Amino acid sequence: MSNFDLVSKIQAQFVKPNMPDYRTGMEVEVYQIINEWGKSRVQRFKGIIIKTAGKTALEKTITVRRKVGPFGVEKIFAIHSPTLEKIEIIRQFKVRRSQIGFIRDLTGKAARLKEVK
């Protein structure tokens, strides 16, 4: 048994089943469980996936960007993290790149993406 097989076998128990394939250009709503002062609540974060990373299942992360007033806010989420309740896919946009970080510099009509139905 190789090291890769051993690591995959150990990681398999922490991987959430039936997770869809998240891609760059998807508009998603992430429900994250936040624990504060002994209480827990669910925080929603809605935005566009601008980057996906990670080779193995447990390392998979997505970077979600959202425009809040004049500022852009980005959060990185580990897909199989126990703090994530769910990730809803709202719609898919047509992108031709694996990372659309260039969208950070665009504003107004230039920042529009074409929706795939």
PDB file of N, CA and C in Angstrom:
ATOM      1  N   MET A   1       0.856  -1.187   0.000  1.00  0.00           N
ATOM      2  CA  MET A   1       0.000   0.000   0.000  1.00  0.00           C
ATOM      3  C   MET A   1       0.894   1.240   0.000  1.00  0.00           C
ATOM      4  N   SER A   2       0.656   2.119  -0.975  1.00  0.00           N
ATOM      5  CA  SER A   2       1.472   3.327  -1.084  1.00  0.00           C
ATOM      6  C   SER A   2       0.971   4.381  -0.100  1.00  0.00           C
ATOM      7  N   ASN A   3       1.774   5.404   0.049  1.00  0.00           N
ATOM      8  CA  ASN A   3       1.405   6.494   0.953  1.00  0.00           C
ATOM      9  C   ASN A   3       0.130   7.205   0.492  1.00  0.00           C
ATOM     10  N   PHE A   4      -0.009   7.360  -0.820  1.00  0.00           N
ATOM     11  CA  PHE A   4      -1.193   8.032  -1.353  1.00  0.00           C
ATOM     12  C   PHE A   4      -2.467   7.249  -1.020  1.00  0.00           C
ATOM     13  N   ASP A   5      -2.397   5.925  -1.158  1.00  0.00           N
ATOM     14  CA  ASP A   5      -3.555   5.086  -0.843  1.00  0.00           C
ATOM     15  C   ASP A   5      -3.898   5.165   0.640  1.00  0.00           C
ATOM     16  N   LEU A   6      -2.868   5.195   1.470  1.00  0.00           N
ATOM     17  CA  LEU A   6      -3.069   5.271   2.910  1.00  0.00           C
ATOM     18  C   LEU A   6      -3.738   6.599   3.301  1.00  0.00           C
ATOM     19  N   VAL A   7      -3.255   7.702   2.735  1.00  0.00           N
ATOM     20  CA  VAL A   7      -3.822   9.016   3.019  1.00  0.00           C
ATOM     21  C   VAL A   7      -5.264   9.086   2.511  1.00  0.00           C
ATOM     22  N   SER A   8      -5.536   8.564   1.338  1.00  0.00           N
ATOM     23  CA  SER A   8      -6.891   8.574   0.780  1.00  0.00           C
ATOM     24  C   SER A   8      -7.852   7.780   1.649  1.00  0.00           C
ATOM     25  N   LYS A   9      -7.394   6.666   2.175  1.00  0.00           N
ATOM     26  CA  LYS A   9      -8.236   5.821   3.018  1.00  0.00           C
ATOM     27  C   LYS A   9      -8.585   6.524   4.334  1.00  0.00           C
ATOM     28  N   ILE A  10      -7.617   7.215   4.914  1.00  0.00           N
ATOM     29  CA  ILE A  10      -7.854   7.941   6.163  1.00  0.00           C
ATOM     30  C   ILE A  10      -8.769   9.141   5.922  1.00  0.00           C
ATOM     31  N   GLN A  11      -8.570   9.850   4.809  1.00  0.00           N
ATOM     32  CA  GLN A  11      -9.372  11.037   4.503  1.00  0.00           C
ATOM     33  C   GLN A  11     -10.809  10.695   4.135  1.00  0.00           C
ATOM     34  N   ALA A  12     -11.058   9.484   3.674  1.00  0.00           N
ATOM     35  CA  ALA A  12     -12.386   9.100   3.190  1.00  0.00           C
ATOM     36  C   ALA A  12     -13.463   9.230   4.268  1.00  0.00           C
ATOM     37  N   GLN A  13     -13.108   9.044   5.524  1.00  0.00           N
ATOM     38  CA  GLN A  13     -14.117   9.138   6.580  1.00  0.00           C
ATOM     39  C   GLN A  13     -14.556  10.573   6.863  1.00  0.00           C
ATOM     40  N   PHE A  14     -13.780  11.571   6.437  1.00  0.00           N
ATOM     41  CA  PHE A  14     -14.113  12.973   6.679  1.00  0.00           C
ATOM     42  C   PHE A  14     -14.771  13.645   5.475  1.00  0.00           C
ATOM     43  N   VAL A  15     -14.799  12.980   4.335  1.00  0.00           N
ATOM     44  CA  VAL A  15     -15.347  13.556   3.114  1.00  0.00           C
ATOM     45  C   VAL A  15     -16.872  13.453   3.143  1.00  0.00           C
ATOM     46  N   LYS A  16     -17.548  14.561   2.845  1.00  0.00           N
ATOM     47  CA  LYS A  16     -19.013  14.573   2.797  1.00  0.00           C
ATOM     48  C   LYS A  16     -19.480  13.878   1.517  1.00  0.00           C
ATOM     49  N   PRO A  17     -20.472  13.001   1.629  1.00  0.00           N
ATOM     50  CA  PRO A  17     -20.954  12.297   0.431  1.00  0.00           C
ATOM     51  C   PRO A  17     -21.872  13.188  -0.413  1.00  0.00           C
ATOM     52  N   ASN A  18     -21.970  12.861  -1.682  1.00  0.00           N
ATOM     53  CA  ASN A  18     -22.901  13.505  -2.621  1.00  0.00           C
ATOM     54  C   ASN A  18     -22.702  15.009  -2.754  1.00  0.00           C
ATOM     55  N   MET A  19     -21.462  15.455  -2.757  1.00  0.00           N
ATOM     56  CA  MET A  19     -21.187  16.872  -2.979  1.00  0.00           C
ATOM     57  C   MET A  19     -21.048  17.096  -4.491  1.00  0.00           C
ATOM     58  N   PRO A  20     -21.756  18.102  -5.048  1.00  0.00           N
ATOM     59  CA  PRO A  20     -21.617  18.367  -6.488  1.00  0.00           C
ATOM     60  C   PRO A  20     -20.249  18.950  -6.816  1.00  0.00           C
ATOM     61  N   ASP A  21     -19.963  19.002  -8.087  1.00  0.00           N
ATOM     62  CA  ASP A  21     -18.691  19.546  -8.555  1.00  0.00           C
ATOM     63  C   ASP A  21     -18.824  21.061  -8.668  1.00  0.00           C
ATOM     64  N   TYR A  22     -18.109  21.796  -7.829  1.00  0.00           N
ATOM     65  CA  TYR A  22     -18.160  23.251  -7.856  1.00  0.00           C
ATOM     66  C   TYR A  22     -17.103  23.763  -8.810  1.00  0.00           C
ATOM     67  N   ARG A  23     -17.516  24.678  -9.707  1.00  0.00           N
ATOM     68  CA  ARG A  23     -16.613  25.189 -10.723  1.00  0.00           C
ATOM     69  C   ARG A  23     -16.549  26.704 -10.669  1.00  0.00           C
ATOM     70  N   THR A  24     -15.518  27.223 -11.271  1.00  0.00           N
ATOM     71  CA  THR A  24     -15.361  28.663 -11.390  1.00  0.00           C
ATOM     72  C   THR A  24     -16.501  29.223 -12.238  1.00  0.00           C
ATOM     73  N   GLY A  25     -17.053  30.339 -11.802  1.00  0.00           N
ATOM     74  CA  GLY A  25     -18.127  30.977 -12.538  1.00  0.00           C
ATOM     75  C   GLY A  25     -19.509  30.654 -12.009  1.00  0.00           C
ATOM     76  N   MET A  26     -19.609  29.827 -10.982  1.00  0.00           N
ATOM     77  CA  MET A  26     -20.910  29.520 -10.388  1.00  0.00           C
ATOM     78  C   MET A  26     -21.258  30.579  -9.346  1.00  0.00           C
ATOM     79  N   GLU A  27     -22.513  30.970  -9.308  1.00  0.00           N
ATOM     80  CA  GLU A  27     -22.981  31.831  -8.225  1.00  0.00           C
ATOM     81  C   GLU A  27     -23.550  30.898  -7.160  1.00  0.00           C
ATOM     82  N   VAL A  28     -23.009  30.984  -5.956  1.00  0.00           N
ATOM     83  CA  VAL A  28     -23.388  30.068  -4.884  1.00  0.00           C
ATOM     84  C   VAL A  28     -23.785  30.847  -3.637  1.00  0.00           C
ATOM     85  N   GLU A  29     -24.513  30.152  -2.772  1.00  0.00           N
ATOM     86  CA  GLU A  29     -24.845  30.684  -1.458  1.00  0.00           C
ATOM     87  C   GLU A  29     -24.330  29.669  -0.452  1.00  0.00           C
ATOM     88  N   VAL A  30     -23.383  30.100   0.375  1.00  0.00           N
ATOM     89  CA  VAL A  30     -22.727  29.218   1.334  1.00  0.00           C
ATOM     90  C   VAL A  30     -23.333  29.460   2.712  1.00  0.00           C
ATOM     91  N   TYR A  31     -23.769  28.391   3.359  1.00  0.00           N
ATOM     92  CA  TYR A  31     -24.323  28.469   4.711  1.00  0.00           C
ATOM     93  C   TYR A  31     -23.263  27.950   5.672  1.00  0.00           C
ATOM     94  N   GLN A  32     -22.701  28.844   6.476  1.00  0.00           N
ATOM     95  CA  GLN A  32     -21.607  28.507   7.387  1.00  0.00           C
ATOM     96  C   GLN A  32     -22.089  28.609   8.828  1.00  0.00           C
ATOM     97  N   ILE A  33     -21.751  27.604   9.642  1.00  0.00           N
ATOM     98  CA  ILE A  33     -22.130  27.604  11.055  1.00  0.00           C
ATOM     99  C   ILE A  33     -21.083  28.389  11.831  1.00  0.00           C
ATOM    100  N   ILE A  34     -21.528  29.409  12.563  1.00  0.00           N
ATOM    101  CA  ILE A  34     -20.654  30.259  13.361  1.00  0.00           C
ATOM    102  C   ILE A  34     -20.990  30.038  14.833  1.00  0.00           C
ATOM    103  N   ASN A  35     -19.981  29.738  15.641  1.00  0.00           N
ATOM    104  CA  ASN A  35     -20.166  29.572  17.078  1.00  0.00           C
ATOM    105  C   ASN A  35     -19.602  30.786  17.799  1.00  0.00           C
ATOM    106  N   GLU A  36     -20.480  31.491  18.521  1.00  0.00           N
ATOM    107  CA  GLU A  36     -20.073  32.681  19.262  1.00  0.00           C
ATOM    108  C   GLU A  36     -20.672  32.645  20.653  1.00  0.00           C
ATOM    109  N   TRP A  37     -19.861  32.796  21.649  1.00  0.00           N
ATOM    110  CA  TRP A  37     -20.295  32.904  23.034  1.00  0.00           C
ATOM    111  C   TRP A  37     -21.239  31.772  23.448  1.00  0.00           C
ATOM    112  N   GLY A  38     -20.929  30.573  23.034  1.00  0.00           N
ATOM    113  CA  GLY A  38     -21.738  29.421  23.434  1.00  0.00           C
ATOM    114  C   GLY A  38     -22.987  29.207  22.595  1.00  0.00           C
ATOM    115  N   LYS A  39     -23.275  30.106  21.666  1.00  0.00           N
ATOM    116  CA  LYS A  39     -24.424  29.964  20.780  1.00  0.00           C
ATOM    117  C   LYS A  39     -23.924  29.690  19.374  1.00  0.00           C
ATOM    118  N   SER A  40     -24.760  29.069  18.583  1.00  0.00           N
ATOM    119  CA  SER A  40     -24.380  28.874  17.184  1.00  0.00           C
ATOM    120  C   SER A  40     -25.464  29.450  16.283  1.00  0.00           C
ATOM    121  N   ARG A  41     -25.037  29.969  15.137  1.00  0.00           N
ATOM    122  CA  ARG A  41     -25.958  30.530  14.160  1.00  0.00           C
ATOM    123  C   ARG A  41     -25.425  30.206  12.775  1.00  0.00           C
ATOM    124  N   VAL A  42     -26.280  30.364  11.792  1.00  0.00           N
ATOM    125  CA  VAL A  42     -25.888  30.094  10.406  1.00  0.00           C
ATOM    126  C   VAL A  42     -25.732  31.425   9.681  1.00  0.00           C
ATOM    127  N   GLN A  43     -24.566  31.607   9.071  1.00  0.00           N
ATOM    128  CA  GLN A  43     -24.291  32.827   8.321  1.00  0.00           C
ATOM    129  C   GLN A  43     -24.290  32.490   6.836  1.00  0.00           C
ATOM    130  N   ARG A  44     -25.028  33.285   6.052  1.00  0.00           N
ATOM    131  CA  ARG A  44     -25.081  33.064   4.611  1.00  0.00           C
ATOM    132  C   ARG A  44     -24.097  33.998   3.912  1.00  0.00           C
ATOM    133  N   PHE A  45     -23.460  33.481   2.862  1.00  0.00           N
ATOM    134  CA  PHE A  45     -22.536  34.288   2.067  1.00  0.00           C
ATOM    135  C   PHE A  45     -22.808  33.955   0.609  1.00  0.00           C
ATOM    136  N   LYS A  46     -23.286  34.934  -0.148  1.00  0.00           N
ATOM    137  CA  LYS A  46     -23.662  34.717  -1.538  1.00  0.00           C
ATOM    138  C   LYS A  46     -22.678  35.438  -2.445  1.00  0.00           C
ATOM    139  N   GLY A  47     -22.144  34.721  -3.430  1.00  0.00           N
ATOM    140  CA  GLY A  47     -21.202  35.338  -4.353  1.00  0.00           C
ATOM    141  C   GLY A  47     -20.825  34.400  -5.481  1.00  0.00           C
ATOM    142  N   ILE A  48     -19.818  34.800  -6.251  1.00  0.00           N
ATOM    143  CA  ILE A  48     -19.358  34.036  -7.408  1.00  0.00           C
ATOM    144  C   ILE A  48     -18.049  33.335  -7.059  1.00  0.00           C
ATOM    145  N   ILE A  49     -17.937  32.088  -7.455  1.00  0.00           N
ATOM    146  CA  ILE A  49     -16.693  31.347  -7.258  1.00  0.00           C
ATOM    147  C   ILE A  49     -15.679  31.870  -8.265  1.00  0.00           C
ATOM    148  N   ILE A  50     -14.573  32.432  -7.754  1.00  0.00           N
ATOM    149  CA  ILE A  50     -13.547  32.954  -8.659  1.00  0.00           C
ATOM    150  C   ILE A  50     -12.342  32.028  -8.750  1.00  0.00           C
ATOM    151  N   LYS A  51     -12.272  31.040  -7.841  1.00  0.00           N
ATOM    152  CA  LYS A  51     -11.118  30.157  -7.852  1.00  0.00           C
ATOM    153  C   LYS A  51     -11.462  28.850  -7.149  1.00  0.00           C
ATOM    154  N   THR A  52     -10.967  27.747  -7.679  1.00  0.00           N
ATOM    155  CA  THR A  52     -11.051  26.460  -6.996  1.00  0.00           C
ATOM    156  C   THR A  52      -9.631  25.940  -6.841  1.00  0.00           C
ATOM    157  N   ALA A  53      -9.380  25.244  -5.745  1.00  0.00           N
ATOM    158  CA  ALA A  53      -8.031  24.738  -5.495  1.00  0.00           C
ATOM    159  C   ALA A  53      -8.110  23.418  -4.745  1.00  0.00           C
ATOM    160  N   GLY A  54      -6.996  22.704  -4.700  1.00  0.00           N
ATOM    161  CA  GLY A  54      -6.910  21.453  -3.956  1.00  0.00           C
ATOM    162  C   GLY A  54      -6.893  20.256  -4.873  1.00  0.00           C
ATOM    163  N   LYS A  55      -6.028  19.302  -4.564  1.00  0.00           N
ATOM    164  CA  LYS A  55      -5.917  18.106  -5.395  1.00  0.00           C
ATOM    165  C   LYS A  55      -6.754  16.963  -4.852  1.00  0.00           C
ATOM    166  N   THR A  56      -6.590  16.634  -3.572  1.00  0.00           N
ATOM    167  CA  THR A  56      -7.372  15.543  -3.000  1.00  0.00           C
ATOM    168  C   THR A  56      -8.717  16.081  -2.525  1.00  0.00           C
ATOM    169  N   ALA A  57      -9.641  15.186  -2.239  1.00  0.00           N
ATOM    170  CA  ALA A  57     -11.002  15.585  -1.860  1.00  0.00           C
ATOM    171  C   ALA A  57     -11.023  16.475  -0.622  1.00  0.00           C
ATOM    172  N   LEU A  58     -10.202  16.158   0.364  1.00  0.00           N
ATOM    173  CA  LEU A  58     -10.225  16.923   1.607  1.00  0.00           C
ATOM    174  C   LEU A  58      -9.552  18.291   1.471  1.00  0.00           C
ATOM    175  N   GLU A  59      -8.732  18.469   0.457  1.00  0.00           N
ATOM    176  CA  GLU A  59      -8.035  19.736   0.247  1.00  0.00           C
ATOM    177  C   GLU A  59      -8.827  20.704  -0.628  1.00  0.00           C
ATOM    178  N   LYS A  60      -9.953  20.289  -1.175  1.00  0.00           N
ATOM    179  CA  LYS A  60     -10.718  21.125  -2.099  1.00  0.00           C
ATOM    180  C   LYS A  60     -11.229  22.380  -1.400  1.00  0.00           C
ATOM    181  N   THR A  61     -10.931  23.527  -1.995  1.00  0.00           N
ATOM    182  CA  THR A  61     -11.406  24.808  -1.480  1.00  0.00           C
ATOM    183  C   THR A  61     -11.971  25.634  -2.630  1.00  0.00           C
ATOM    184  N   ILE A  62     -12.873  26.544  -2.271  1.00  0.00           N
ATOM    185  CA  ILE A  62     -13.400  27.492  -3.243  1.00  0.00           C
ATOM    186  C   ILE A  62     -13.241  28.897  -2.680  1.00  0.00           C
ATOM    187  N   THR A  63     -12.931  29.828  -3.545  1.00  0.00           N
ATOM    188  CA  THR A  63     -12.858  31.238  -3.160  1.00  0.00           C
ATOM    189  C   THR A  63     -14.083  31.928  -3.732  1.00  0.00           C
ATOM    190  N   VAL A  64     -14.895  32.507  -2.850  1.00  0.00           N
ATOM    191  CA  VAL A  64     -16.148  33.141  -3.243  1.00  0.00           C
ATOM    192  C   VAL A  64     -16.001  34.644  -3.060  1.00  0.00           C
ATOM    193  N   ARG A  65     -16.374  35.390  -4.093  1.00  0.00           N
ATOM    194  CA  ARG A  65     -16.262  36.853  -4.065  1.00  0.00           C
ATOM    195  C   ARG A  65     -17.643  37.477  -4.129  1.00  0.00           C
ATOM    196  N   ARG A  66     -17.800  38.521  -3.340  1.00  0.00           N
ATOM    197  CA  ARG A  66     -19.068  39.231  -3.256  1.00  0.00           C
ATOM    198  C   ARG A  66     -18.787  40.721  -3.202  1.00  0.00           C
ATOM    199  N   LYS A  67     -19.625  41.502  -3.832  1.00  0.00           N
ATOM    200  CA  LYS A  67     -19.489  42.952  -3.802  1.00  0.00           C
ATOM    201  C   LYS A  67     -20.407  43.495  -2.712  1.00  0.00           C
ATOM    202  N   VAL A  68     -19.833  44.209  -1.737  1.00  0.00           N
ATOM    203  CA  VAL A  68     -20.609  44.805  -0.651  1.00  0.00           C
ATOM    204  C   VAL A  68     -20.341  46.306  -0.688  1.00  0.00           C
ATOM    205  N   GLY A  69     -21.287  47.045  -1.257  1.00  0.00           N
ATOM    206  CA  GLY A  69     -21.095  48.486  -1.413  1.00  0.00           C
ATOM    207  C   GLY A  69     -19.915  48.751  -2.335  1.00  0.00           C
ATOM    208  N   PRO A  70     -19.002  49.627  -1.918  1.00  0.00           N
ATOM    209  CA  PRO A  70     -17.838  49.909  -2.770  1.00  0.00           C
ATOM    210  C   PRO A  70     -16.711  48.882  -2.602  1.00  0.00           C
ATOM    211  N   PHE A  71     -16.896  47.913  -1.740  1.00  0.00           N
ATOM    212  CA  PHE A  71     -15.827  46.963  -1.427  1.00  0.00           C
ATOM    213  C   PHE A  71     -16.128  45.584  -1.989  1.00  0.00           C
ATOM    214  N   GLY A  72     -15.085  44.847  -2.281  1.00  0.00           N
ATOM    215  CA  GLY A  72     -15.213  43.448  -2.659  1.00  0.00           C
ATOM    216  C   GLY A  72     -14.768  42.593  -1.484  1.00  0.00           C
ATOM    217  N   VAL A  73     -15.552  41.577  -1.140  1.00  0.00           N
ATOM    218  CA  VAL A  73     -15.233  40.691  -0.026  1.00  0.00           C
ATOM    219  C   VAL A  73     -15.026  39.289  -0.578  1.00  0.00           C
ATOM    220  N   GLU A  74     -13.926  38.661  -0.185  1.00  0.00           N
ATOM    221  CA  GLU A  74     -13.642  37.301  -0.621  1.00  0.00           C
ATOM    222  C   GLU A  74     -13.478  36.404   0.590  1.00  0.00           C
ATOM    223  N   LYS A  75     -14.029  35.206   0.500  1.00  0.00           N
ATOM    224  CA  LYS A  75     -13.863  34.208   1.553  1.00  0.00           C
ATOM    225  C   LYS A  75     -13.441  32.901   0.913  1.00  0.00           C
ATOM    226  N   ILE A  76     -12.576  32.190   1.601  1.00  0.00           N
ATOM    227  CA  ILE A  76     -12.124  30.881   1.142  1.00  0.00           C
ATOM    228  C   ILE A  76     -12.782  29.838   2.033  1.00  0.00           C
ATOM    229  N   PHE A  77     -13.466  28.882   1.399  1.00  0.00           N
ATOM    230  CA  PHE A  77     -14.159  27.828   2.124  1.00  0.00           C
ATOM    231  C   PHE A  77     -13.593  26.470   1.742  1.00  0.00           C
ATOM    232  N   ALA A  78     -13.339  25.623   2.744  1.00  0.00           N
ATOM    233  CA  ALA A  78     -13.004  24.227   2.490  1.00  0.00           C
ATOM    234  C   ALA A  78     -14.320  23.492   2.283  1.00  0.00           C
ATOM    235  N   ILE A  79     -14.476  22.823   1.164  1.00  0.00           N
ATOM    236  CA  ILE A  79     -15.759  22.231   0.788  1.00  0.00           C
ATOM    237  C   ILE A  79     -16.233  21.189   1.796  1.00  0.00           C
ATOM    238  N   HIS A  80     -15.328  20.404   2.324  1.00  0.00           N
ATOM    239  CA  HIS A  80     -15.696  19.315   3.232  1.00  0.00           C
ATOM    240  C   HIS A  80     -15.536  19.694   4.706  1.00  0.00           C
ATOM    241  N   SER A  81     -15.504  20.982   4.999  1.00  0.00           N
ATOM    242  CA  SER A  81     -15.368  21.440   6.377  1.00  0.00           C
ATOM    243  C   SER A  81     -16.640  21.138   7.175  1.00  0.00           C
ATOM    244  N   PRO A  82     -16.497  20.729   8.440  1.00  0.00           N
ATOM    245  CA  PRO A  82     -17.689  20.472   9.252  1.00  0.00           C
ATOM    246  C   PRO A  82     -18.460  21.751   9.606  1.00  0.00           C
ATOM    247  N   THR A  83     -17.856  22.911   9.419  1.00  0.00           N
ATOM    248  CA  THR A  83     -18.556  24.161   9.722  1.00  0.00           C
ATOM    249  C   THR A  83     -19.478  24.604   8.587  1.00  0.00           C
ATOM    250  N   LEU A  84     -19.402  23.963   7.435  1.00  0.00           N
ATOM    251  CA  LEU A  84     -20.293  24.310   6.334  1.00  0.00           C
ATOM    252  C   LEU A  84     -21.540  23.447   6.410  1.00  0.00           C
ATOM    253  N   GLU A  85     -22.684  24.105   6.485  1.00  0.00           N
ATOM    254  CA  GLU A  85     -23.944  23.379   6.527  1.00  0.00           C
ATOM    255  C   GLU A  85     -24.326  22.898   5.135  1.00  0.00           C
ATOM    256  N   LYS A  86     -24.314  23.819   4.170  1.00  0.00           N
ATOM    257  CA  LYS A  86     -24.599  23.454   2.787  1.00  0.00           C
ATOM    258  C   LYS A  86     -24.119  24.558   1.855  1.00  0.00           C
ATOM    259  N   ILE A  87     -23.980  24.185   0.587  1.00  0.00           N
ATOM    260  CA  ILE A  87     -23.627  25.129  -0.457  1.00  0.00           C
ATOM    261  C   ILE A  87     -24.664  24.972  -1.562  1.00  0.00           C
ATOM    262  N   GLU A  88     -25.427  26.038  -1.818  1.00  0.00           N
ATOM    263  CA  GLU A  88     -26.455  26.014  -2.848  1.00  0.00           C
ATOM    264  C   GLU A  88     -25.920  26.653  -4.116  1.00  0.00           C
ATOM    265  N   ILE A  89     -26.114  25.971  -5.236  1.00  0.00           N
ATOM    266  CA  ILE A  89     -25.742  26.539  -6.531  1.00  0.00           C
ATOM    267  C   ILE A  89     -26.952  27.309  -7.055  1.00  0.00           C
ATOM    268  N   ILE A  90     -26.779  28.600  -7.283  1.00  0.00           N
ATOM    269  CA  ILE A  90     -27.876  29.443  -7.748  1.00  0.00           C
ATOM    270  C   ILE A  90     -27.921  29.468  -9.271  1.00  0.00           C
ATOM    271  N   ARG A  91     -26.792  29.760  -9.894  1.00  0.00           N
ATOM    272  CA  ARG A  91     -26.713  29.738 -11.357  1.00  0.00           C
ATOM    273  C   ARG A  91     -25.269  29.597 -11.800  1.00  0.00           C
ATOM    274  N   GLN A  92     -25.094  29.308 -13.097  1.00  0.00           N
ATOM    275  CA  GLN A  92     -23.771  29.074 -13.673  1.00  0.00           C
ATOM    276  C   GLN A  92     -23.536  30.101 -14.776  1.00  0.00           C
ATOM    277  N   PHE A  93     -22.356  30.693 -14.770  1.00  0.00           N
ATOM    278  CA  PHE A  93     -21.977  31.635 -15.811  1.00  0.00           C
ATOM    279  C   PHE A  93     -20.944  30.989 -16.718  1.00  0.00           C
ATOM    280  N   LYS A  94     -20.876  31.485 -17.954  1.00  0.00           N
ATOM    281  CA  LYS A  94     -19.915  30.961 -18.918  1.00  0.00           C
ATOM    282  C   LYS A  94     -18.560  31.611 -18.672  1.00  0.00           C
ATOM    283  N   VAL A  95     -17.569  30.800 -18.325  1.00  0.00           N
ATOM    284  CA  VAL A  95     -16.203  31.285 -18.154  1.00  0.00           C
ATOM    285  C   VAL A  95     -15.271  30.344 -18.897  1.00  0.00           C
ATOM    286  N   ARG A  96     -14.166  30.870 -19.378  1.00  0.00           N
ATOM    287  CA  ARG A  96     -13.231  30.067 -20.145  1.00  0.00           C
ATOM    288  C   ARG A  96     -11.902  29.882 -19.428  1.00  0.00           C
ATOM    289  N   ARG A  97     -11.863  30.236 -18.163  1.00  0.00           N
ATOM    290  CA  ARG A  97     -10.622  30.136 -17.392  1.00  0.00           C
ATOM    291  C   ARG A  97     -10.879  29.391 -16.093  1.00  0.00           C
ATOM    292  N   SER A  98      -9.813  28.850 -15.522  1.00  0.00           N
ATOM    293  CA  SER A  98      -9.954  28.121 -14.259  1.00  0.00           C
ATOM    294  C   SER A  98      -9.989  29.069 -13.072  1.00  0.00           C
ATOM    295  N   GLN A  99      -9.411  30.263 -13.248  1.00  0.00           N
ATOM    296  CA  GLN A  99      -9.434  31.272 -12.188  1.00  0.00           C
ATOM    297  C   GLN A  99      -9.799  32.612 -12.816  1.00  0.00           C
ATOM    298  N   ILE A 100     -10.848  33.249 -12.300  1.00  0.00           N
ATOM    299  CA  ILE A 100     -11.290  34.522 -12.886  1.00  0.00           C
ATOM    300  C   ILE A 100     -10.980  35.674 -11.935  1.00  0.00           C
ATOM    301  N   GLY A 101      -9.739  35.731 -11.490  1.00  0.00           N
ATOM    302  CA  GLY A 101      -9.312  36.793 -10.588  1.00  0.00           C
ATOM    303  C   GLY A 101      -9.322  38.162 -11.239  1.00  0.00           C
ATOM    304  N   PHE A 102      -9.316  38.194 -12.578  1.00  0.00           N
ATOM    305  CA  PHE A 102      -9.339  39.472 -13.287  1.00  0.00           C
ATOM    306  C   PHE A 102     -10.628  40.238 -13.021  1.00  0.00           C
ATOM    307  N   ILE A 103     -11.654  39.556 -12.552  1.00  0.00           N
ATOM    308  CA  ILE A 103     -12.944  40.206 -12.295  1.00  0.00           C
ATOM    309  C   ILE A 103     -12.855  41.180 -11.118  1.00  0.00           C
ATOM    310  N   ARG A 104     -11.812  41.054 -10.315  1.00  0.00           N
ATOM    311  CA  ARG A 104     -11.613  41.982  -9.186  1.00  0.00           C
ATOM    312  C   ARG A 104     -11.446  43.414  -9.657  1.00  0.00           C
ATOM    313  N   ASP A 105     -10.789  43.584 -10.801  1.00  0.00           N
ATOM    314  CA  ASP A 105     -10.478  44.923 -11.302  1.00  0.00           C
ATOM    315  C   ASP A 105     -11.613  45.532 -12.125  1.00  0.00           C
ATOM    316  N   LEU A 106     -12.602  44.720 -12.490  1.00  0.00           N
ATOM    317  CA  LEU A 106     -13.671  45.197 -13.357  1.00  0.00           C
ATOM    318  C   LEU A 106     -14.844  45.718 -12.536  1.00  0.00           C
ATOM    319  N   THR A 107     -15.510  46.743 -13.059  1.00  0.00           N
ATOM    320  CA  THR A 107     -16.694  47.281 -12.398  1.00  0.00           C
ATOM    321  C   THR A 107     -17.768  47.533 -13.444  1.00  0.00           C
ATOM    322  N   GLY A 108     -19.001  47.628 -13.009  1.00  0.00           N
ATOM    323  CA  GLY A 108     -20.110  47.976 -13.898  1.00  0.00           C
ATOM    324  C   GLY A 108     -20.374  46.943 -14.967  1.00  0.00           C
ATOM    325  N   LYS A 109     -20.607  47.418 -16.202  1.00  0.00           N
ATOM    326  CA  LYS A 109     -20.951  46.519 -17.300  1.00  0.00           C
ATOM    327  C   LYS A 109     -19.805  45.580 -17.662  1.00  0.00           C
ATOM    328  N   ALA A 110     -18.589  46.001 -17.431  1.00  0.00           N
ATOM    329  CA  ALA A 110     -17.431  45.178 -17.769  1.00  0.00           C
ATOM    330  C   ALA A 110     -17.364  43.915 -16.915  1.00  0.00           C
ATOM    331  N   ALA A 111     -17.962  43.956 -15.729  1.00  0.00           N
ATOM    332  CA  ALA A 111     -17.899  42.823 -14.807  1.00  0.00           C
ATOM    333  C   ALA A 111     -19.015  41.807 -15.053  1.00  0.00           C
ATOM    334  N   ARG A 112     -19.865  42.041 -16.050  1.00  0.00           N
ATOM    335  CA  ARG A 112     -20.965  41.112 -16.332  1.00  0.00           C
ATOM    336  C   ARG A 112     -20.452  39.816 -16.921  1.00  0.00           C
ATOM    337  N   LEU A 113     -21.111  38.718 -16.568  1.00  0.00           N
ATOM    338  CA  LEU A 113     -20.807  37.412 -17.144  1.00  0.00           C
ATOM    339  C   LEU A 113     -22.075  36.878 -17.803  1.00  0.00           C
ATOM    340  N   LYS A 114     -21.904  36.053 -18.827  1.00  0.00           N
ATOM    341  CA  LYS A 114     -23.058  35.488 -19.531  1.00  0.00           C
ATOM    342  C   LYS A 114     -23.527  34.226 -18.835  1.00  0.00           C
ATOM    343  N   GLU A 115     -24.829  34.152 -18.573  1.00  0.00           N
ATOM    344  CA  GLU A 115     -25.383  33.015 -17.839  1.00  0.00           C
ATOM    345  C   GLU A 115     -25.600  31.830 -18.783  1.00  0.00           C
ATOM    346  N   VAL A 116     -25.292  30.630 -18.263  1.00  0.00           N
ATOM    347  CA  VAL A 116     -25.548  29.382 -18.989  1.00  0.00           C
ATOM    348  C   VAL A 116     -26.843  28.815 -18.461  1.00  0.00           C
ATOM    349  N   LYS A 117     -27.765  28.488 -19.344  1.00  0.00           N
ATOM    350  CA  LYS A 117     -29.061  27.970 -18.891  1.00  0.00           C
ATOM    351  C   LYS A 117     -29.071  26.470 -18.899  1.00  0.00           C
TER     352      LYS A 117
END
